[in-house]
Amino acid sequence: MRLFSYQANVGDSRSLIINSPKTTHGELTPDELALADIPPETIRLSLGLEDANDLIADLEQAFARSLGGKE
C-alpha cells in the first residue's frame, strides 16, 4: 500500500486500511470470528480525501502484489 495508512482510527482525512480480525476484533476467539462471519483475511477500508483513481490504482497494485503478480 502506498496511499493507505495501516491504522485503526476513523475520522481522519487520509485513507486507512486495517485487518479487522487482528485489530478492532482482535479480542474475539477464532470461533467468535467465525460465528460473526469475519474471515481472517478481512480488511477494512476508510476512504479519505485522496483522488479516487489514485486510491483504486493503489488497491489494484497491492492486490496484484499480494497474489504474486507485479505492479
N, C-alpha and C. Protein backbone atom coordinates (compact mmCIF):
# COMPACT_ATOMS: atom_id res chain seq x y z
N MET A 1 0.84 -1.16 0.00
CA MET A 1 0.00 0.00 0.00
C MET A 1 0.90 1.23 0.00
N ARG A 2 0.52 2.18 -0.80
CA ARG A 2 1.31 3.41 -0.88
C ARG A 2 0.54 4.62 -0.35
N LEU A 3 -0.76 4.64 -0.58
CA LEU A 3 -1.56 5.78 -0.13
C LEU A 3 -2.29 5.50 1.17
N PHE A 4 -2.67 4.26 1.39
CA PHE A 4 -3.42 3.90 2.59
C PHE A 4 -2.46 3.74 3.77
N SER A 5 -2.86 4.24 4.93
CA SER A 5 -2.10 4.05 6.16
C SER A 5 -2.70 2.88 6.91
N TYR A 6 -1.85 2.09 7.57
CA TYR A 6 -2.34 0.96 8.37
C TYR A 6 -2.56 1.46 9.79
N GLN A 7 -3.79 1.93 10.04
CA GLN A 7 -4.16 2.47 11.34
C GLN A 7 -5.63 2.19 11.59
N ALA A 8 -5.98 2.07 12.84
CA ALA A 8 -7.35 1.71 13.20
C ALA A 8 -8.26 2.91 13.46
N ASN A 9 -7.72 4.12 13.51
CA ASN A 9 -8.60 5.26 13.81
C ASN A 9 -9.42 5.66 12.60
N VAL A 10 -10.63 6.07 12.84
CA VAL A 10 -11.53 6.52 11.79
C VAL A 10 -11.78 8.01 12.01
N GLY A 11 -12.20 8.70 10.99
CA GLY A 11 -12.45 10.13 11.13
C GLY A 11 -11.28 10.96 10.66
N ASP A 12 -10.31 10.32 10.05
CA ASP A 12 -9.14 11.01 9.53
C ASP A 12 -9.44 11.43 8.09
N SER A 13 -8.72 12.39 7.58
CA SER A 13 -8.92 12.80 6.19
C SER A 13 -8.10 11.94 5.24
N ARG A 14 -7.23 11.08 5.79
CA ARG A 14 -6.42 10.17 4.98
C ARG A 14 -7.10 8.81 4.89
N SER A 15 -6.82 8.10 3.83
CA SER A 15 -7.37 6.75 3.67
C SER A 15 -6.62 5.77 4.57
N LEU A 16 -7.38 4.89 5.19
CA LEU A 16 -6.82 3.94 6.14
C LEU A 16 -7.22 2.52 5.74
N ILE A 17 -6.39 1.55 6.11
CA ILE A 17 -6.68 0.15 5.87
C ILE A 17 -6.23 -0.64 7.09
N ILE A 18 -7.05 -1.59 7.52
CA ILE A 18 -6.68 -2.45 8.64
C ILE A 18 -7.19 -3.86 8.39
N ASN A 19 -6.61 -4.80 9.10
CA ASN A 19 -7.08 -6.17 9.13
C ASN A 19 -7.93 -6.30 10.39
N SER A 20 -9.24 -6.22 10.23
CA SER A 20 -10.15 -6.19 11.39
C SER A 20 -10.00 -7.35 12.36
N PRO A 21 -9.84 -8.59 11.89
CA PRO A 21 -9.72 -9.70 12.85
C PRO A 21 -8.50 -9.57 13.77
N LYS A 22 -7.49 -8.83 13.35
CA LYS A 22 -6.29 -8.69 14.18
C LYS A 22 -6.24 -7.37 14.93
N THR A 23 -7.15 -6.45 14.64
CA THR A 23 -7.11 -5.14 15.30
C THR A 23 -8.42 -4.89 16.05
N THR A 24 -9.41 -4.34 15.37
CA THR A 24 -10.65 -3.94 16.05
C THR A 24 -11.44 -5.12 16.61
N HIS A 25 -11.23 -6.33 16.06
CA HIS A 25 -11.92 -7.52 16.56
C HIS A 25 -10.93 -8.53 17.12
N GLY A 26 -9.75 -8.06 17.49
CA GLY A 26 -8.69 -8.93 17.96
C GLY A 26 -8.98 -9.63 19.28
N GLU A 27 -9.95 -9.14 20.03
CA GLU A 27 -10.28 -9.77 21.31
C GLU A 27 -11.17 -10.99 21.14
N LEU A 28 -11.70 -11.19 19.92
CA LEU A 28 -12.58 -12.33 19.68
C LEU A 28 -11.78 -13.61 19.44
N THR A 29 -12.34 -14.73 19.85
CA THR A 29 -11.71 -16.02 19.58
C THR A 29 -11.96 -16.40 18.12
N PRO A 30 -11.21 -17.36 17.60
CA PRO A 30 -11.48 -17.82 16.24
C PRO A 30 -12.93 -18.29 16.05
N ASP A 31 -13.49 -18.94 17.06
CA ASP A 31 -14.89 -19.38 16.96
C ASP A 31 -15.86 -18.20 16.91
N GLU A 32 -15.59 -17.17 17.70
CA GLU A 32 -16.44 -15.98 17.70
C GLU A 32 -16.33 -15.24 16.36
N LEU A 33 -15.12 -15.17 15.80
CA LEU A 33 -14.95 -14.54 14.49
C LEU A 33 -15.73 -15.31 13.43
N ALA A 34 -15.66 -16.64 13.49
CA ALA A 34 -16.40 -17.46 12.52
C ALA A 34 -17.91 -17.27 12.69
N LEU A 35 -18.37 -17.23 13.92
CA LEU A 35 -19.79 -17.02 14.18
C LEU A 35 -20.26 -15.66 13.66
N ALA A 36 -19.39 -14.65 13.74
CA ALA A 36 -19.72 -13.31 13.24
C ALA A 36 -19.45 -13.18 11.74
N ASP A 37 -19.02 -14.27 11.11
CA ASP A 37 -18.72 -14.30 9.67
C ASP A 37 -17.64 -13.29 9.30
N ILE A 38 -16.56 -13.27 10.10
CA ILE A 38 -15.41 -12.40 9.85
C ILE A 38 -14.21 -13.29 9.56
N PRO A 39 -13.93 -13.55 8.28
CA PRO A 39 -12.77 -14.39 7.95
C PRO A 39 -11.45 -13.67 8.28
N PRO A 40 -10.37 -14.43 8.48
CA PRO A 40 -9.10 -13.83 8.88
C PRO A 40 -8.53 -12.85 7.85
N GLU A 41 -8.88 -12.98 6.60
CA GLU A 41 -8.34 -12.10 5.57
C GLU A 41 -9.18 -10.83 5.36
N THR A 42 -10.14 -10.59 6.22
CA THR A 42 -10.99 -9.41 6.10
C THR A 42 -10.18 -8.13 6.27
N ILE A 43 -10.39 -7.18 5.36
CA ILE A 43 -9.76 -5.87 5.51
C ILE A 43 -10.86 -4.81 5.57
N ARG A 44 -10.56 -3.75 6.26
CA ARG A 44 -11.49 -2.64 6.39
C ARG A 44 -10.83 -1.41 5.79
N LEU A 45 -11.57 -0.74 4.92
CA LEU A 45 -11.08 0.48 4.30
C LEU A 45 -11.87 1.67 4.83
N SER A 46 -11.17 2.74 5.10
CA SER A 46 -11.79 4.02 5.42
C SER A 46 -11.21 5.00 4.42
N LEU A 47 -12.05 5.45 3.50
CA LEU A 47 -11.57 6.29 2.41
C LEU A 47 -11.48 7.75 2.84
N GLY A 48 -10.38 8.36 2.45
CA GLY A 48 -10.12 9.75 2.80
C GLY A 48 -10.36 10.67 1.62
N LEU A 49 -9.60 11.74 1.58
CA LEU A 49 -9.80 12.79 0.60
C LEU A 49 -8.90 12.68 -0.63
N GLU A 50 -8.11 11.61 -0.72
CA GLU A 50 -7.25 11.43 -1.88
C GLU A 50 -8.11 11.22 -3.14
N ASP A 51 -7.49 11.39 -4.29
CA ASP A 51 -8.18 11.18 -5.56
C ASP A 51 -8.65 9.73 -5.67
N ALA A 52 -9.90 9.52 -6.06
CA ALA A 52 -10.47 8.17 -6.15
C ALA A 52 -9.68 7.28 -7.09
N ASN A 53 -9.25 7.80 -8.22
CA ASN A 53 -8.49 6.98 -9.17
C ASN A 53 -7.14 6.57 -8.58
N ASP A 54 -6.52 7.44 -7.79
CA ASP A 54 -5.26 7.09 -7.13
C ASP A 54 -5.48 5.99 -6.10
N LEU A 55 -6.57 6.06 -5.36
CA LEU A 55 -6.87 5.03 -4.36
C LEU A 55 -7.13 3.69 -5.03
N ILE A 56 -7.90 3.70 -6.11
CA ILE A 56 -8.19 2.46 -6.84
C ILE A 56 -6.90 1.85 -7.38
N ALA A 57 -6.04 2.67 -7.97
CA ALA A 57 -4.78 2.19 -8.51
C ALA A 57 -3.90 1.61 -7.39
N ASP A 58 -3.91 2.24 -6.22
CA ASP A 58 -3.13 1.75 -5.09
C ASP A 58 -3.63 0.38 -4.65
N LEU A 59 -4.95 0.23 -4.55
CA LEU A 59 -5.52 -1.06 -4.16
C LEU A 59 -5.21 -2.13 -5.21
N GLU A 60 -5.34 -1.79 -6.48
CA GLU A 60 -5.08 -2.75 -7.55
C GLU A 60 -3.63 -3.25 -7.51
N GLN A 61 -2.67 -2.35 -7.34
CA GLN A 61 -1.27 -2.79 -7.32
C GLN A 61 -0.98 -3.62 -6.07
N ALA A 62 -1.59 -3.26 -4.95
CA ALA A 62 -1.35 -4.01 -3.72
C ALA A 62 -1.96 -5.42 -3.82
N PHE A 63 -3.17 -5.53 -4.35
CA PHE A 63 -3.79 -6.85 -4.51
C PHE A 63 -3.00 -7.69 -5.51
N ALA A 64 -2.54 -7.09 -6.59
CA ALA A 64 -1.74 -7.82 -7.58
C ALA A 64 -0.46 -8.35 -6.94
N ARG A 65 0.20 -7.53 -6.14
CA ARG A 65 1.43 -7.96 -5.48
C ARG A 65 1.16 -9.06 -4.46
N SER A 66 0.04 -8.96 -3.75
CA SER A 66 -0.25 -9.97 -2.73
C SER A 66 -0.59 -11.32 -3.36
N LEU A 67 -1.01 -11.29 -4.61
CA LEU A 67 -1.34 -12.53 -5.33
C LEU A 67 -0.15 -13.03 -6.15
N GLY A 68 1.00 -12.43 -5.94
CA GLY A 68 2.21 -12.87 -6.61
C GLY A 68 2.45 -12.23 -7.96
N GLY A 69 1.65 -11.23 -8.31
CA GLY A 69 1.84 -10.53 -9.58
C GLY A 69 2.83 -9.40 -9.43
N LYS A 70 2.95 -8.65 -10.46
CA LYS A 70 3.84 -7.48 -10.44
C LYS A 70 3.01 -6.23 -10.42
N GLU A 71 3.65 -5.11 -10.07
CA GLU A 71 2.96 -3.82 -10.01
C GLU A 71 2.48 -3.40 -11.37
